[in-house]
Amino acid sequence: MKITDINLFYMETRGHYTYSEIMQQPLMWQREFDRIKADRKQIETFVSRYIDGGYEVIFTGAGTSAYIGDVLEVAVADTIFRGARSVATTDLITHPTAYFSPEKKVLLISFARSGNSPESMGAVTLADSICGDNIAHIFITCNEKGRLAQIAGRENCLLLLLPPETDDKSLAMTSSFSTMLLTALLLANIRDLEAQEAPIRNLVAHASGVLEKYDSAICGIAARDFSRAIFLGSGELKGIAEESHLKLQELTDGGVVCSFDSFLGFRHGPKAVVNGQSLLVYLLSGDPAVARYEADLIRQINSNNHVVAMVAVSPGPVGIPGVDFDLNVVLGDASAQGIYRCIPYVFAAQLLGYYKSLARGLDPDAPSVSGNISRVVEGVTIYLQ
């Protein structure tokens, strides 16, 4: 049976939602850009009211939704959101006064696929109770029927609903993650939205080609016998590495234990995780000043370790003397994709997770055999006093 036939067979039996939700992402990005463009005036008026009013921006969410903020902290440094912080709802809930006070003005940007997790609602409630009139909200969510969407009808709230297809049916967040990230990046450039059309068009075209071109090759890497995986990225790509490590780990029900770090940070102890059962995935920067640090570490790891496979994800083909990658996923011209160039880096982990889940006999749509993890976290008690 050919690999293409295997893909079709699995899509019809196991992992149908996961695979289709991975492959639909470029289309979702174009649709979301069109939505933002249509509502641009209302969105810009709301954002400007609070940015110009001196409000501190906090990105928040839980799990994958929190990692969006970790990407954005670096990615928006040259936009109107410069200085924004990423604080998970799980931290806001336990230590609210570390981030909120009656005197501090806060624009809380919440990311939520379903909008129904206890932490999403709890963080909003705590922010309202502590900050009073000094709080404003932007809800970026995929579910128009979620609790977060239902409470958005207030003057200090802006609701941005994503295309309904991004409300992933699979346990793992894929198109929801990337499209919420795209939405926030568009918000950061809302005052210059016309100039974003060309980068978005380039992003969508290149990303579609990447998914088609490297699908089978990533399937081949997933078929190898590794029990741990390490994802490394610098700057905003560290946040993508963070999301990547979770994707592969949750889709294999913990069968592949994953870690992530920055390239420089990995040297300081975490490198001990590398062994002969490891897959290394390098998310390489297109900035030559950053890439030299990344190449140094790759050469060092390559000289000291024997691993199952090494995958490089990069804007262009990578050549490091003495280093042979098992796969180089080339994403295309980063300069033409602007601030959005970081998003497709997540494809490698999404497809690795999908195919490794199948290889381990799991259903990627519902990989948690024990039920330890679920699509929407439940059972968390929020203590408001």
Protein backbone atom coordinates (compact mmCIF):
# COMPACT_ATOMS: atom_id res chain seq x y z
CA MET A 1 0.00 0.00 0.00
CA LYS A 2 1.41 3.43 -0.96
CA ILE A 3 1.83 6.11 1.68
CA THR A 4 -0.89 8.19 0.02
CA ASP A 5 -3.23 5.19 0.23
CA ILE A 6 -2.30 4.70 3.89
CA ASN A 7 -3.12 8.36 4.58
CA LEU A 8 -6.55 8.01 3.01
CA PHE A 9 -7.22 4.77 4.88
CA TYR A 10 -6.36 6.30 8.24
CA MET A 11 -8.39 9.44 7.52
CA GLU A 12 -11.44 7.24 6.92
CA THR A 13 -10.90 5.21 10.09
CA ARG A 14 -8.83 6.89 12.79
CA GLY A 15 -7.69 10.47 13.15
CA HIS A 16 -9.97 11.90 10.49
CA TYR A 17 -10.60 15.15 12.38
CA THR A 18 -6.98 15.63 13.43
CA TYR A 19 -5.63 15.22 9.91
CA SER A 20 -8.23 17.41 8.24
CA GLU A 21 -7.81 20.11 10.91
CA ILE A 22 -4.06 20.16 10.30
CA MET A 23 -4.43 20.36 6.54
CA GLN A 24 -7.14 23.04 6.55
CA GLN A 25 -5.02 25.63 8.35
CA PRO A 26 -3.94 27.83 5.41
CA LEU A 27 -7.57 28.11 4.30
CA MET A 28 -8.61 29.08 7.83
CA TRP A 29 -5.96 31.79 7.92
CA GLN A 30 -7.25 33.36 4.72
CA ARG A 31 -10.81 33.26 6.03
CA GLU A 32 -9.78 34.83 9.32
CA PHE A 33 -7.91 37.62 7.58
CA ASP A 34 -11.03 38.34 5.52
CA ARG A 35 -13.12 38.46 8.71
CA ILE A 36 -10.72 40.88 10.42
CA LYS A 37 -10.59 43.01 7.29
CA ALA A 38 -14.39 43.24 7.16
CA ASP A 39 -14.57 44.38 10.81
CA ARG A 40 -11.40 46.41 10.76
CA LYS A 41 -12.93 49.79 11.73
CA GLN A 42 -14.70 48.46 14.84
CA ILE A 43 -11.66 46.46 15.91
CA GLU A 44 -9.22 49.34 15.43
CA THR A 45 -11.46 51.74 17.37
CA PHE A 46 -11.67 49.33 20.32
CA VAL A 47 -7.97 48.47 20.40
CA SER A 48 -6.85 52.09 20.04
CA ARG A 49 -9.11 53.21 22.90
CA TYR A 50 -7.17 51.09 25.36
CA ILE A 51 -3.69 51.09 23.83
CA ASP A 52 -3.75 54.89 23.60
CA GLY A 53 -5.22 54.98 27.11
CA GLY A 54 -2.10 53.40 28.60
CA TYR A 55 -3.48 49.93 29.27
CA GLU A 56 -1.00 47.10 29.85
CA VAL A 57 -1.61 44.14 27.54
CA ILE A 58 -1.68 40.64 29.02
CA PHE A 59 -2.11 37.59 26.79
CA THR A 60 -3.70 34.67 28.60
CA GLY A 61 -4.99 31.15 28.12
CA ALA A 62 -4.33 27.65 29.42
CA GLY A 63 -2.15 24.96 27.86
CA THR A 64 -1.88 25.46 24.11
CA SER A 65 -3.83 28.72 24.42
CA ALA A 66 -1.23 30.00 26.88
CA TYR A 67 1.58 29.14 24.48
CA ILE A 68 0.08 31.54 21.95
CA GLY A 69 0.95 34.34 24.35
CA ASP A 70 4.48 32.99 24.79
CA VAL A 71 5.00 33.29 21.02
CA LEU A 72 3.46 36.75 20.94
CA GLU A 73 5.60 38.27 23.70
CA VAL A 74 8.51 38.27 21.27
CA ALA A 75 6.67 38.40 17.94
CA VAL A 76 4.83 41.69 18.67
CA ALA A 77 7.83 43.57 20.06
CA ASP A 78 7.79 46.03 17.14
CA THR A 79 4.02 46.62 17.13
CA ILE A 80 1.45 48.53 19.19
CA PHE A 81 1.54 45.59 21.65
CA ARG A 82 5.21 46.13 22.49
CA GLY A 83 5.84 45.25 26.15
CA ALA A 84 2.85 42.89 26.35
CA ARG A 85 3.15 40.00 28.82
CA SER A 86 2.10 36.38 28.55
CA VAL A 87 0.56 35.03 31.75
CA ALA A 88 -1.33 31.73 31.75
CA THR A 89 -4.83 31.70 33.25
CA THR A 90 -3.54 28.95 35.52
CA ASP A 91 -1.14 31.52 37.03
CA LEU A 92 -3.68 34.35 37.08
CA ILE A 93 -6.07 32.14 39.06
CA THR A 94 -3.62 31.22 41.82
CA HIS A 95 -1.80 34.58 42.07
CA PRO A 96 -4.19 37.26 40.77
CA THR A 97 -2.77 40.16 42.79
CA ALA A 98 0.64 39.63 41.20
CA TYR A 99 -0.88 40.74 37.89
CA PHE A 100 -4.00 42.76 38.72
CA SER A 101 -4.61 45.73 41.00
CA PRO A 102 -7.29 48.43 41.24
CA GLU A 103 -4.76 51.06 40.11
CA LYS A 104 -3.38 49.24 37.07
CA LYS A 105 -5.09 49.44 33.68
CA VAL A 106 -5.12 46.07 31.93
CA LEU A 107 -6.27 44.93 28.48
CA LEU A 108 -6.66 41.18 28.96
CA ILE A 109 -6.55 39.25 25.68
CA SER A 110 -7.94 35.77 26.28
CA PHE A 111 -7.39 32.82 23.93
CA ALA A 112 -9.79 29.88 24.17
CA ARG A 113 -10.79 27.19 21.70
CA SER A 114 -14.07 26.32 23.47
CA GLY A 115 -14.32 29.22 25.90
CA ASN A 116 -15.71 26.77 28.47
CA SER A 117 -12.72 25.92 30.65
CA PRO A 118 -13.03 26.94 34.32
CA GLU A 119 -9.77 28.89 34.16
CA SER A 120 -10.91 31.03 31.20
CA MET A 121 -13.98 32.21 33.07
CA GLY A 122 -12.19 32.41 36.41
CA ALA A 123 -9.44 34.67 35.08
CA VAL A 124 -12.00 37.06 33.61
CA THR A 125 -14.04 37.12 36.83
CA LEU A 126 -10.96 37.80 38.97
CA ALA A 127 -9.75 40.53 36.64
CA ASP A 128 -13.16 42.23 36.77
CA SER A 129 -13.39 42.02 40.56
CA ILE A 130 -9.87 43.32 41.23
CA CYS A 131 -9.44 45.93 38.49
CA GLY A 132 -12.97 47.34 38.45
CA ASP A 133 -13.23 50.04 35.78
CA ASN A 134 -9.58 49.58 34.81
CA ILE A 135 -10.08 46.31 32.93
CA ALA A 136 -10.93 45.67 29.28
CA HIS A 137 -11.17 42.35 27.45
CA ILE A 138 -10.60 40.90 24.01
CA PHE A 139 -11.90 37.34 23.67
CA ILE A 140 -10.39 35.36 20.80
CA THR A 141 -12.30 32.10 20.61
CA CYS A 142 -13.47 29.45 18.16
CA ASN A 143 -16.84 28.66 19.78
CA GLU A 144 -19.70 31.12 19.47
CA LYS A 145 -21.71 29.07 21.99
CA GLY A 146 -18.96 28.99 24.61
CA ARG A 147 -19.33 30.74 27.95
CA LEU A 148 -16.63 33.26 27.10
CA ALA A 149 -18.45 34.31 23.93
CA GLN A 150 -21.74 34.56 25.81
CA ILE A 151 -20.44 37.16 28.31
CA ALA A 152 -18.88 39.40 25.67
CA GLY A 153 -21.76 41.80 25.25
CA ARG A 154 -20.26 44.52 27.44
CA GLU A 155 -18.83 47.88 26.43
CA ASN A 156 -15.35 46.93 27.65
CA CYS A 157 -15.32 43.61 25.72
CA LEU A 158 -14.43 42.82 22.12
CA LEU A 159 -15.35 39.37 20.84
CA LEU A 160 -13.41 37.96 17.89
CA LEU A 161 -14.94 34.69 16.69
CA LEU A 162 -12.84 32.51 14.41
CA PRO A 163 -14.24 30.43 11.53
CA PRO A 164 -16.33 27.61 13.07
CA GLU A 165 -14.09 24.97 11.46
CA THR A 166 -11.29 26.04 13.83
CA ASP A 167 -13.25 24.73 16.81
CA ASP A 168 -11.26 21.51 16.49
CA LYS A 169 -13.17 18.30 17.07
CA SER A 170 -9.92 16.51 17.85
CA LEU A 171 -8.50 16.48 21.37
CA ALA A 172 -5.36 18.25 20.16
CA MET A 173 -5.55 21.92 19.21
CA THR A 174 -4.15 22.47 15.72
CA SER A 175 -6.07 24.90 13.50
CA SER A 176 -7.41 26.63 16.63
CA PHE A 177 -3.85 27.33 17.84
CA SER A 178 -2.50 28.68 14.58
CA THR A 179 -5.56 30.74 13.68
CA MET A 180 -5.82 32.33 17.14
CA LEU A 181 -2.12 33.19 16.86
CA LEU A 182 -2.68 34.71 13.43
CA THR A 183 -5.62 36.74 14.78
CA ALA A 184 -3.52 38.26 17.54
CA LEU A 185 -0.76 39.15 15.10
CA LEU A 186 -3.34 40.86 12.88
CA LEU A 187 -4.59 42.79 15.92
CA ALA A 188 -1.05 43.95 16.59
CA ASN A 189 -1.02 45.38 13.03
CA ILE A 190 -4.63 46.55 12.89
CA ARG A 191 -3.62 50.15 12.15
CA ASP A 192 -1.81 49.05 9.01
CA LEU A 193 -4.03 46.20 7.89
CA GLU A 194 -3.83 46.96 4.18
CA ALA A 195 -0.11 46.24 4.27
CA GLN A 196 -0.78 42.80 5.78
CA GLU A 197 -2.59 41.48 2.71
CA ALA A 198 0.54 40.57 0.74
CA PRO A 199 2.28 38.75 3.64
CA ILE A 200 -0.91 36.80 4.39
CA ARG A 201 -1.31 35.82 0.75
CA ASN A 202 2.31 34.66 0.67
CA LEU A 203 1.93 32.79 3.96
CA VAL A 204 -1.18 30.92 2.80
CA ALA A 205 0.35 29.93 -0.54
CA HIS A 206 3.64 28.69 0.92
CA ALA A 207 2.04 26.90 3.87
CA SER A 208 -0.31 24.94 1.61
CA GLY A 209 2.66 23.76 -0.40
CA VAL A 210 4.63 22.80 2.72
CA LEU A 211 1.84 20.61 4.05
CA GLU A 212 1.52 18.81 0.73
CA LYS A 213 5.23 18.46 0.09
CA TYR A 214 6.39 17.17 3.50
CA ASP A 215 3.40 15.08 4.62
CA SER A 216 4.87 11.74 3.55
CA ALA A 217 8.40 12.56 4.69
CA ILE A 218 7.21 13.45 8.19
CA CYS A 219 5.21 10.21 8.23
CA GLY A 220 8.50 8.42 7.57
CA ILE A 221 10.24 10.16 10.48
CA ALA A 222 7.32 9.28 12.79
CA ALA A 223 7.76 5.61 11.87
CA ARG A 224 11.21 5.56 13.47
CA ASP A 225 11.67 4.14 16.94
CA PHE A 226 12.07 7.10 19.31
CA SER A 227 10.66 7.45 22.83
CA ARG A 228 11.56 11.07 23.51
CA ALA A 229 11.67 14.24 21.46
CA ILE A 230 13.25 17.65 21.97
CA PHE A 231 12.08 20.82 20.21
CA LEU A 232 14.34 23.88 20.19
CA GLY A 233 13.57 27.42 19.02
CA SER A 234 14.86 30.95 19.57
CA GLY A 235 12.80 34.06 20.30
CA GLU A 236 9.19 33.63 19.21
CA LEU A 237 10.10 30.15 17.95
CA LYS A 238 10.70 29.05 21.54
CA GLY A 239 6.95 29.46 22.04
CA ILE A 240 6.35 27.37 18.91
CA ALA A 241 8.74 24.75 20.33
CA GLU A 242 6.68 24.80 23.53
CA GLU A 243 3.48 24.10 21.62
CA SER A 244 5.28 21.50 19.49
CA HIS A 245 6.44 19.48 22.48
CA LEU A 246 2.89 19.31 23.84
CA LYS A 247 1.42 18.31 20.46
CA LEU A 248 3.60 15.25 20.04
CA GLN A 249 3.34 14.27 23.70
CA GLU A 250 -0.45 14.46 23.99
CA LEU A 251 -1.12 12.82 20.61
CA THR A 252 1.00 9.83 21.70
CA ASP A 253 -0.72 9.71 25.11
CA GLY A 254 2.63 10.36 26.77
CA GLY A 255 4.25 7.45 24.94
CA VAL A 256 6.79 9.92 23.57
CA VAL A 257 8.05 12.15 26.36
CA CYS A 258 8.88 15.61 25.00
CA SER A 259 10.76 18.69 26.11
CA PHE A 260 11.48 22.13 24.65
CA ASP A 261 13.88 25.01 25.17
CA SER A 262 15.74 27.82 23.46
CA PHE A 263 18.98 26.89 21.72
CA LEU A 264 21.14 28.78 24.19
CA GLY A 265 19.06 27.73 27.20
CA PHE A 266 19.36 24.07 26.26
CA ARG A 267 23.10 24.14 27.00
CA HIS A 268 22.54 24.88 30.69
CA GLY A 269 21.59 21.45 31.96
CA PRO A 270 18.49 20.51 29.93
CA LYS A 271 20.78 19.00 27.28
CA ALA A 272 21.11 15.99 29.60
CA VAL A 273 17.79 14.71 28.19
CA VAL A 274 19.40 13.75 24.85
CA ASN A 275 20.01 10.03 24.46
CA GLY A 276 19.97 7.30 21.84
CA GLN A 277 16.16 7.18 21.84
CA SER A 278 15.76 10.87 20.99
CA LEU A 279 14.29 12.78 18.07
CA LEU A 280 15.66 16.32 17.77
CA VAL A 281 13.59 18.96 15.99
CA TYR A 282 15.36 22.25 15.35
CA LEU A 283 13.17 25.27 14.57
CA LEU A 284 15.76 27.46 12.88
CA SER A 285 15.64 31.23 12.70
CA GLY A 286 15.89 33.11 9.43
CA ASP A 287 17.96 35.80 11.16
CA PRO A 288 21.69 35.18 10.49
CA ALA A 289 22.63 36.78 13.82
CA VAL A 290 20.47 34.23 15.65
CA ALA A 291 21.24 31.29 13.35
CA ARG A 292 24.95 31.30 14.24
CA TYR A 293 24.13 30.43 17.86
CA GLU A 294 21.78 27.69 16.68
CA ALA A 295 24.37 26.19 14.35
CA ASP A 296 26.94 26.10 17.16
CA LEU A 297 24.67 24.02 19.37
CA ILE A 298 23.65 21.69 16.56
CA ARG A 299 27.31 20.98 15.77
CA GLN A 300 28.02 20.30 19.44
CA ILE A 301 25.08 17.92 19.88
CA ASN A 302 25.93 16.19 16.62
CA SER A 303 29.52 15.56 17.73
CA ASN A 304 28.61 14.22 21.20
CA ASN A 305 25.43 12.21 20.64
CA HIS A 306 23.89 9.49 18.52
CA VAL A 307 20.16 10.10 18.12
CA VAL A 308 17.33 8.45 16.21
CA ALA A 309 16.76 11.40 13.87
CA MET A 310 17.32 15.12 13.42
CA VAL A 311 14.77 17.35 11.70
CA ALA A 312 15.43 20.97 10.73
CA VAL A 313 12.54 23.36 10.07
CA SER A 314 13.76 26.52 8.38
CA PRO A 315 12.89 29.31 5.92
CA GLY A 316 15.44 28.02 3.39
CA PRO A 317 17.63 24.94 2.94
CA VAL A 318 20.08 24.44 5.82
CA GLY A 319 23.73 23.57 5.36
CA ILE A 320 25.88 23.07 8.46
CA PRO A 321 29.26 21.48 7.70
CA GLY A 322 29.53 18.01 9.22
CA VAL A 323 25.81 17.81 10.05
CA ASP A 324 23.38 15.66 8.07
CA PHE A 325 19.70 16.17 8.83
CA ASP A 326 17.29 13.32 8.28
CA LEU A 327 14.76 15.85 7.05
CA ASN A 328 14.82 19.57 6.29
CA VAL A 329 11.33 21.10 6.15
CA VAL A 330 11.73 24.29 4.12
CA LEU A 331 8.99 26.83 4.78
CA GLY A 332 9.75 29.43 2.11
CA ASP A 333 10.66 33.11 1.99
CA ALA A 334 10.37 34.38 5.58
CA SER A 335 10.82 38.04 4.62
CA ALA A 336 7.74 37.89 2.37
CA GLN A 337 5.64 36.46 5.22
CA GLY A 338 6.46 39.23 7.67
CA ILE A 339 5.48 38.86 11.30
CA TYR A 340 3.40 35.75 10.46
CA ARG A 341 6.42 33.65 9.40
CA CYS A 342 6.60 31.84 12.75
CA ILE A 343 3.20 30.14 12.40
CA PRO A 344 3.95 27.30 9.92
CA TYR A 345 6.83 26.04 12.08
CA VAL A 346 4.22 24.15 14.11
CA PHE A 347 3.31 21.92 11.15
CA ALA A 348 6.18 19.51 11.79
CA ALA A 349 5.05 18.66 15.32
CA GLN A 350 1.38 18.46 14.35
CA LEU A 351 2.06 15.90 11.62
CA LEU A 352 4.65 14.06 13.72
CA GLY A 353 2.07 13.76 16.48
CA TYR A 354 -0.63 12.56 14.09
CA TYR A 355 1.50 9.88 12.46
CA LYS A 356 3.22 8.76 15.67
CA SER A 357 -0.19 8.37 17.30
CA LEU A 358 -1.25 6.05 14.49
CA ALA A 359 2.04 4.15 14.66
CA ARG A 360 1.41 3.48 18.35
CA GLY A 361 -2.07 2.13 17.63
CA LEU A 362 -3.92 5.15 18.99
CA ASP A 363 -6.74 7.26 17.58
CA PRO A 364 -5.30 10.78 17.10
CA ASP A 365 -8.78 12.26 17.56
CA ALA A 366 -8.97 10.77 21.06
CA PRO A 367 -5.50 9.49 21.99
CA SER A 368 -5.87 9.46 25.78
CA VAL A 369 -6.65 5.83 26.57
CA SER A 370 -6.84 6.45 30.32
CA GLY A 371 -8.87 9.65 30.00
CA ASN A 372 -6.15 11.63 31.82
CA ILE A 373 -6.57 14.46 29.34
CA SER A 374 -9.74 15.63 27.62
CA ARG A 375 -10.72 18.11 24.95
CA VAL A 376 -12.08 20.59 27.53
CA VAL A 377 -10.60 20.59 31.03
CA GLU A 378 -13.28 20.06 33.65
CA GLY A 379 -13.53 19.67 37.40
CA VAL A 380 -11.34 22.64 38.40
CA THR A 381 -12.79 24.54 41.34
CA ILE A 382 -12.20 28.30 41.12
CA TYR A 383 -11.92 29.96 44.53
CA LEU A 384 -12.74 33.63 44.16
CA GLN A 385 -12.23 34.59 47.81
